[in-house]
Protein backbone atom coordinates (compact mmCIF):
# COMPACT_ATOMS: atom_id res chain seq x y z
CA VAL A 1 144.34 57.36 43.00
CA TYR A 2 147.60 55.58 42.22
CA GLY A 3 150.60 55.01 44.49
CA ARG A 4 151.93 58.28 45.83
CA THR A 5 151.88 59.88 42.39
CA LEU A 6 148.31 60.51 41.27
CA ILE A 7 146.01 62.44 43.59
CA SER A 8 142.39 63.24 42.79
CA GLY A 9 141.91 66.94 42.08
CA TYR A 10 145.60 67.61 41.43
CA VAL A 11 148.15 67.66 38.61
CA SER A 12 151.24 65.43 38.62
CA VAL A 13 154.17 65.43 36.19
CA LEU A 14 156.48 62.71 34.85
CA GLY A 15 159.73 63.75 33.16
CA ALA A 16 162.58 62.00 31.36
CA PRO A 17 164.81 62.29 28.31
CA GLY A 18 163.35 60.95 25.07
CA GLY A 19 163.24 57.19 24.68
CA VAL A 20 163.65 56.34 28.37
CA GLY A 21 160.11 55.04 28.88
CA LYS A 22 157.61 57.72 29.90
CA THR A 23 154.93 56.46 27.54
CA ALA A 24 155.52 52.80 28.45
CA LEU A 25 155.28 53.59 32.17
CA MET A 26 152.14 55.71 31.79
CA THR A 27 150.47 53.09 29.61
CA ALA A 28 151.15 50.34 32.16
CA ALA A 29 149.95 52.60 34.98
CA ALA A 30 146.73 53.35 33.07
CA ILE A 31 146.10 49.61 32.67
CA ALA A 32 146.84 49.11 36.38
CA ILE A 33 144.29 51.75 37.38
CA ALA A 34 141.67 50.44 34.94
CA SER A 35 142.14 46.86 36.17
CA GLY A 36 142.78 47.64 39.83
CA LYS A 37 145.92 45.48 39.72
CA PRO A 38 149.27 46.77 41.11
CA LEU A 39 151.17 45.84 37.94
CA LEU A 40 154.19 48.04 38.71
CA GLY A 41 154.21 47.59 42.47
CA GLN A 42 152.16 50.76 43.06
CA HIS A 43 148.93 50.41 45.04
CA VAL A 44 145.78 51.31 43.13
CA HIS A 45 143.77 53.27 45.68
CA LYS A 46 140.91 54.10 43.35
CA PRO A 47 140.40 51.77 40.36
CA GLY A 48 138.27 53.19 37.59
CA VAL A 49 138.05 54.81 34.18
CA VAL A 50 141.24 56.31 32.73
CA LEU A 51 141.36 58.71 29.78
CA LEU A 52 144.74 58.06 28.13
CA ALA A 53 145.62 60.78 25.61
CA GLY A 54 148.56 59.86 23.40
CA LEU A 55 149.12 63.11 21.58
CA GLU A 56 151.96 62.01 19.30
CA ASP A 57 150.48 58.71 18.05
CA ASP A 58 147.44 57.76 16.00
CA LEU A 59 144.77 55.56 17.55
CA GLN A 60 146.09 52.37 15.96
CA GLU A 61 149.56 52.88 17.44
CA GLN A 62 148.04 53.59 20.85
CA GLN A 63 146.06 50.36 20.62
CA ARG A 64 149.26 48.46 19.78
CA ARG A 65 151.02 49.91 22.82
CA VAL A 66 148.14 49.02 25.12
CA TRP A 67 147.86 45.51 23.70
CA ALA A 68 151.61 44.93 24.15
CA ALA A 69 151.51 46.19 27.74
CA MET A 70 148.48 44.06 28.57
CA ARG A 71 150.19 41.01 27.11
CA ALA A 72 153.42 41.71 29.02
CA HIS A 73 151.56 42.05 32.33
CA GLY A 74 149.07 39.23 31.79
CA VAL A 75 146.02 41.51 31.74
CA THR A 76 142.95 40.56 29.69
CA GLN A 77 140.15 42.64 28.22
CA ALA A 78 137.87 41.22 30.89
CA ASP A 79 140.17 42.72 33.55
CA ILE A 80 139.79 46.29 32.26
CA GLY A 81 136.35 46.18 30.62
CA ASP A 82 135.60 49.59 29.12
CA ARG A 83 137.55 51.50 31.76
CA LEU A 84 140.50 52.43 29.52
CA ARG A 85 139.50 55.13 27.02
CA LEU A 86 142.05 56.14 24.38
CA LEU A 87 142.28 59.66 22.93
CA SER A 88 144.54 60.23 19.94
CA GLY A 89 145.98 63.67 19.37
CA ARG A 90 145.59 63.12 15.65
CA GLU A 91 141.84 62.67 15.94
CA TYR A 92 141.12 64.75 19.04
CA ALA A 93 142.74 68.19 19.34
CA LEU A 94 143.81 68.69 22.94
CA ILE A 95 145.08 72.27 22.79
CA LEU A 96 143.95 73.83 26.08
CA ALA A 97 145.48 77.28 25.65
CA SER A 98 146.61 79.48 22.75
CA ARG A 99 147.82 83.00 22.13
CA SER A 100 145.79 85.49 20.10
CA ARG A 101 145.88 89.24 19.46
CA ASP A 102 143.90 89.70 22.66
CA GLY A 103 146.35 87.68 24.77
CA LEU A 104 146.16 84.16 26.14
CA THR A 105 143.00 82.23 25.31
CA VAL A 106 141.40 79.17 26.92
CA GLN A 107 140.06 76.72 24.36
CA GLY A 108 136.71 74.93 24.54
CA VAL A 109 138.40 71.57 24.95
CA VAL A 110 138.87 72.41 28.65
CA ASN A 111 135.12 72.31 29.29
CA ASN A 112 134.80 69.30 27.01
CA LEU A 113 137.35 67.36 29.05
CA ILE A 114 135.68 68.29 32.32
CA GLU A 115 132.32 67.05 31.02
CA ARG A 116 133.91 63.92 29.58
CA ALA A 117 135.55 63.16 32.93
CA LYS A 118 132.29 63.68 34.80
CA GLU A 119 130.18 61.63 32.40
CA SER A 120 132.61 58.70 32.33
CA GLY A 121 133.42 58.86 36.04
CA ALA A 122 137.12 59.03 35.15
CA VAL A 123 139.54 58.79 38.06
CA ALA A 124 142.55 59.88 35.96
CA ILE A 125 143.45 61.73 32.77
CA ILE A 126 146.91 61.09 31.33
CA ALA A 127 148.29 63.44 28.64
CA ASP A 128 151.49 62.54 26.81
CA PRO A 129 153.24 64.90 26.16
CA PHE A 130 152.34 68.13 27.96
CA VAL A 131 153.91 70.29 25.22
CA ALA A 132 151.21 69.09 22.79
CA THR A 133 148.45 70.57 24.96
CA HIS A 134 149.22 74.23 24.32
CA ASP A 135 150.53 76.72 21.75
CA LEU A 136 152.30 78.96 24.26
CA ASP A 137 155.94 79.85 24.95
CA GLU A 138 157.48 76.86 26.70
CA ASN A 139 160.06 79.09 28.41
CA SER A 140 157.61 81.63 29.81
CA ASN A 141 156.65 80.97 33.44
CA SER A 142 153.50 83.08 33.17
CA GLU A 143 152.31 81.31 30.02
CA ILE A 144 153.09 77.81 31.26
CA GLU A 145 151.40 78.60 34.58
CA PHE A 146 148.37 79.68 32.54
CA VAL A 147 148.03 76.32 30.78
CA VAL A 148 148.76 74.32 33.96
CA ARG A 149 145.97 76.31 35.61
CA GLN A 150 143.60 74.87 33.00
CA TRP A 151 144.78 71.34 33.83
CA ARG A 152 144.25 72.07 37.53
CA ARG A 153 140.73 73.21 36.75
CA ILE A 154 140.08 69.97 34.82
CA ALA A 155 141.40 67.92 37.74
CA SER A 156 139.34 69.87 40.29
CA GLU A 157 136.04 70.18 38.44
CA GLY A 158 136.35 66.77 36.79
CA ARG A 159 137.12 65.21 40.18
CA CYS A 160 140.05 63.22 38.83
CA ALA A 161 143.84 63.10 38.86
CA VAL A 162 145.81 64.56 35.93
CA TRP A 163 149.21 63.18 34.88
CA LEU A 164 151.35 65.07 32.35
CA ALA A 165 154.44 63.72 30.56
CA HIS A 166 157.21 66.22 29.88
CA HIS A 167 160.63 66.12 28.25
CA PHE A 168 163.96 66.94 29.87
CA ARG A 169 166.23 69.71 28.71
CA LYS A 170 169.40 68.59 26.97
CA GLY A 171 171.75 67.03 29.52
CA GLY A 172 169.06 66.82 32.22
CA GLN A 173 169.47 64.05 34.80
CA GLY A 174 166.85 62.06 36.68
CA GLY A 175 166.15 63.21 40.23
CA ASP A 176 166.73 66.88 39.39
CA ALA A 177 163.74 69.23 39.26
CA ASP A 178 165.76 71.59 37.06
CA ALA A 179 166.10 68.84 34.45
CA PHE A 180 162.60 69.51 33.10
CA ARG A 181 162.60 71.46 29.85
CA GLY A 182 161.29 75.00 29.71
CA ALA A 183 159.71 77.12 32.44
CA SER A 184 159.83 75.93 36.04
CA ALA A 185 156.15 76.87 36.51
CA LEU A 186 155.10 73.38 35.40
CA ILE A 187 156.93 71.70 38.30
CA SER A 188 155.99 74.42 40.77
CA ALA A 189 152.30 73.98 39.97
CA GLY A 190 152.37 70.18 40.11
CA ARG A 191 151.32 68.29 43.24
CA SER A 192 153.84 65.55 42.47
CA ALA A 193 156.78 65.30 40.06
CA ASP A 194 158.67 62.14 39.17
CA THR A 195 161.64 61.52 36.90
CA LEU A 196 162.95 58.52 34.99
CA GLU A 197 166.43 57.62 33.88
CA THR A 198 168.03 54.64 32.20
CA MET A 199 169.58 52.05 34.51
CA THR A 200 173.39 52.22 34.52
CA GLU A 201 175.53 49.17 33.84
CA GLU A 202 176.64 49.24 37.51
CA GLU A 203 173.02 49.22 38.72
CA ALA A 204 172.17 46.38 36.33
CA ASP A 205 175.11 44.34 37.59
CA LYS A 206 174.06 44.79 41.24
CA ILE A 207 170.63 43.27 40.64
CA GLY A 208 171.65 40.63 38.13
CA ILE A 209 170.32 42.14 34.91
CA PRO A 210 172.45 41.57 31.76
CA PRO A 211 173.84 44.87 30.39
CA HIS A 212 171.96 44.49 27.11
CA GLN A 213 168.63 44.28 28.99
CA ARG A 214 169.13 47.22 31.37
CA ARG A 215 166.91 49.59 29.35
C-alpha cells in the first residue's frame, strides 16, 4: 500500500520514544495515501481511503493536526476528497480485546471495523497508540499476541493494511527491536516494524540543518 511499510492484509508497527514524531509521521503518511502523493518520499502503491484513529486526542485536535500537515505539505481538500476518515478514541471506543472472568474476550468493535473497512473500501487503518486498543497485560506475550491476532483478522478480512503506533521502553534506542515496550509478541506478529529517533547534532551538522531545527 505504502512504501515498504504498509502491506495489504498485514499488520505493521511504528515505535519511538514519546515526543519524537510517531503521530506526525503517521498523519502525513495517511494524507499521502489519501492523496496518492509521495509526500515523505515513500511511493504510494495503492491510493485510497484511510481510517486514521487517534486514540489519545479528541476529534477537534485530530482535525488540527491534519490541517497543519496538509498546509505544510501543500495538500488541499480537493487532493484528498473524502478519503481520509478520522476516528477519535474519545468518541469511538476502539478496545479490541479485554479480560473477563471467563478469560480473554474479543469485543464487537473488531467486526465493526472489518465492516467499516469493507464498506469504505479502506486501503489502510492507522491506530495511534496500540496500547489504547486493548485492556490486557502489556507484558504478557500470550495476551498481546491475542490482541494482535484481532488486528491481523481486521487486516485480512477488511482487505487493508493495519499500522499500529507503539511506545518504547525507557532508554530504548531506534533501530533496536528490543526497544519496544512490553511483550515482544507485538513485533513478532508484525509484518514490518519501523523505529524513529531524534536526529543527533552530528547528523544535523552533516546535512546542514541548524541544531535548533534538528527535531
